[in-house]
């Protein structure tokens, strides 16, 4: 997954806003990249997580709608 800079933000481990590296990756890849993983049991819960939506919103990228 190319969104490794966002893992701690998606997991809720990061305090405050997501890192600039995370936001850069989200902007470069877009929100649909997470939809590719919606059927993978290892990351499925991340795709629909409310934390994930907050990360996308904080980075000013539309949240995925898978």
C-alpha atoms as a PDB file:
ATOM      1  CA  UNK A   1       0.000   0.000   0.000  1.00  0.00           C
ATOM      2  CA  UNK A   2       1.425   3.346  -0.985  1.00  0.00           C
ATOM      3  CA  UNK A   3      -0.256   5.104   1.924  1.00  0.00           C
ATOM      4  CA  UNK A   4       2.212   3.986   4.577  1.00  0.00           C
ATOM      5  CA  UNK A   5       2.732   7.591   5.816  1.00  0.00           C
ATOM      6  CA  UNK A   6      -0.967   7.556   6.792  1.00  0.00           C
ATOM      7  CA  UNK A   7      -1.100   4.270   8.692  1.00  0.00           C
ATOM      8  CA  UNK A   8      -0.717   5.823  12.141  1.00  0.00           C
ATOM      9  CA  UNK A   9      -3.326   8.488  11.340  1.00  0.00           C
ATOM     10  CA  UNK A  10      -5.779   5.873  10.013  1.00  0.00           C
ATOM     11  CA  UNK A  11      -5.190   3.706  13.091  1.00  0.00           C
ATOM     12  CA  UNK A  12      -5.782   6.646  15.423  1.00  0.00           C
ATOM     13  CA  UNK A  13      -2.240   6.546  16.786  1.00  0.00           C
ATOM     14  CA  UNK A  14      -1.265   9.989  15.507  1.00  0.00           C
ATOM     15  CA  UNK A  15      -2.196  12.966  17.630  1.00  0.00           C
ATOM     16  CA  UNK A  16      -3.551  16.033  15.861  1.00  0.00           C
ATOM     17  CA  UNK A  17      -3.585  16.500  12.120  1.00  0.00           C
ATOM     18  CA  UNK A  18      -2.134  13.923   9.735  1.00  0.00           C
ATOM     19  CA  UNK A  19       1.439  14.522   8.597  1.00  0.00           C
ATOM     20  CA  UNK A  20       2.208  16.511   5.484  1.00  0.00           C
ATOM     21  CA  UNK A  21       3.665  13.310   3.964  1.00  0.00           C
ATOM     22  CA  UNK A  22       0.335  11.561   4.530  1.00  0.00           C
ATOM     23  CA  UNK A  23      -1.659  14.395   2.948  1.00  0.00           C
ATOM     24  CA  UNK A  24       0.723  14.516  -0.013  1.00  0.00           C
ATOM     25  CA  UNK A  25       0.217  10.791  -0.659  1.00  0.00           C
ATOM     26  CA  UNK A  26      -3.568  11.097  -0.362  1.00  0.00           C
ATOM     27  CA  UNK A  27      -3.619  14.014  -2.784  1.00  0.00           C
ATOM     28  CA  UNK A  28      -1.364  12.188  -5.241  1.00  0.00           C
ATOM     29  CA  UNK A  29      -3.289   8.898  -5.134  1.00  0.00           C
ATOM     30  CA  UNK A  30      -6.816  10.132  -4.514  1.00  0.00           C
ATOM     31  CA  UNK A  31      -9.479   8.589  -2.356  1.00  0.00           C
ATOM     32  CA  UNK A  32     -10.375   5.750  -4.688  1.00  0.00           C
ATOM     33  CA  UNK A  33      -7.082   3.986  -3.920  1.00  0.00           C
ATOM     34  CA  UNK A  34      -8.522   2.667  -0.643  1.00  0.00           C
ATOM     35  CA  UNK A  35     -11.480   1.146  -2.470  1.00  0.00           C
ATOM     36  CA  UNK A  36      -9.098  -1.333  -4.071  1.00  0.00           C
ATOM     37  CA  UNK A  37      -8.645  -2.846  -0.616  1.00  0.00           C
ATOM     38  CA  UNK A  38     -12.284  -2.956   0.537  1.00  0.00           C
ATOM     39  CA  UNK A  39     -12.482  -6.747   0.134  1.00  0.00           C
ATOM     40  CA  UNK A  40      -9.155  -7.441   1.843  1.00  0.00           C
ATOM     41  CA  UNK A  41      -9.956  -8.575   5.401  1.00  0.00           C
ATOM     42  CA  UNK A  42      -6.676  -7.106   6.686  1.00  0.00           C
ATOM     43  CA  UNK A  43      -7.550  -3.531   5.717  1.00  0.00           C
ATOM     44  CA  UNK A  44     -11.334  -3.576   5.162  1.00  0.00           C
ATOM     45  CA  UNK A  45     -12.044  -1.975   8.537  1.00  0.00           C
ATOM     46  CA  UNK A  46      -9.672   0.891   7.690  1.00  0.00           C
ATOM     47  CA  UNK A  47     -11.567   1.758   4.491  1.00  0.00           C
ATOM     48  CA  UNK A  48     -14.824   2.381   6.311  1.00  0.00           C
ATOM     49  CA  UNK A  49     -13.363   3.805   9.513  1.00  0.00           C
ATOM     50  CA  UNK A  50     -14.584   7.183  10.725  1.00  0.00           C
ATOM     51  CA  UNK A  51     -10.933   8.005  11.524  1.00  0.00           C
ATOM     52  CA  UNK A  52     -10.075   7.460   7.877  1.00  0.00           C
ATOM     53  CA  UNK A  53     -12.766   9.914   6.829  1.00  0.00           C
ATOM     54  CA  UNK A  54     -11.373  12.467   9.298  1.00  0.00           C
ATOM     55  CA  UNK A  55      -7.870  12.023   7.855  1.00  0.00           C
ATOM     56  CA  UNK A  56      -9.168  12.606   4.328  1.00  0.00           C
ATOM     57  CA  UNK A  57     -11.127  15.656   5.485  1.00  0.00           C
ATOM     58  CA  UNK A  58      -8.094  17.071   7.324  1.00  0.00           C
ATOM     59  CA  UNK A  59      -6.044  16.669   4.160  1.00  0.00           C
ATOM     60  CA  UNK A  60      -8.828  18.267   2.083  1.00  0.00           C
ATOM     61  CA  UNK A  61      -9.229  15.162  -0.086  1.00  0.00           C
ATOM     62  CA  UNK A  62     -12.695  13.683  -0.711  1.00  0.00           C
ATOM     63  CA  UNK A  63     -13.233  10.599   1.454  1.00  0.00           C
ATOM     64  CA  UNK A  64     -13.691   7.301  -0.391  1.00  0.00           C
ATOM     65  CA  UNK A  65     -17.202   6.122  -1.077  1.00  0.00           C
ATOM     66  CA  UNK A  66     -16.654   2.426  -1.773  1.00  0.00           C
END
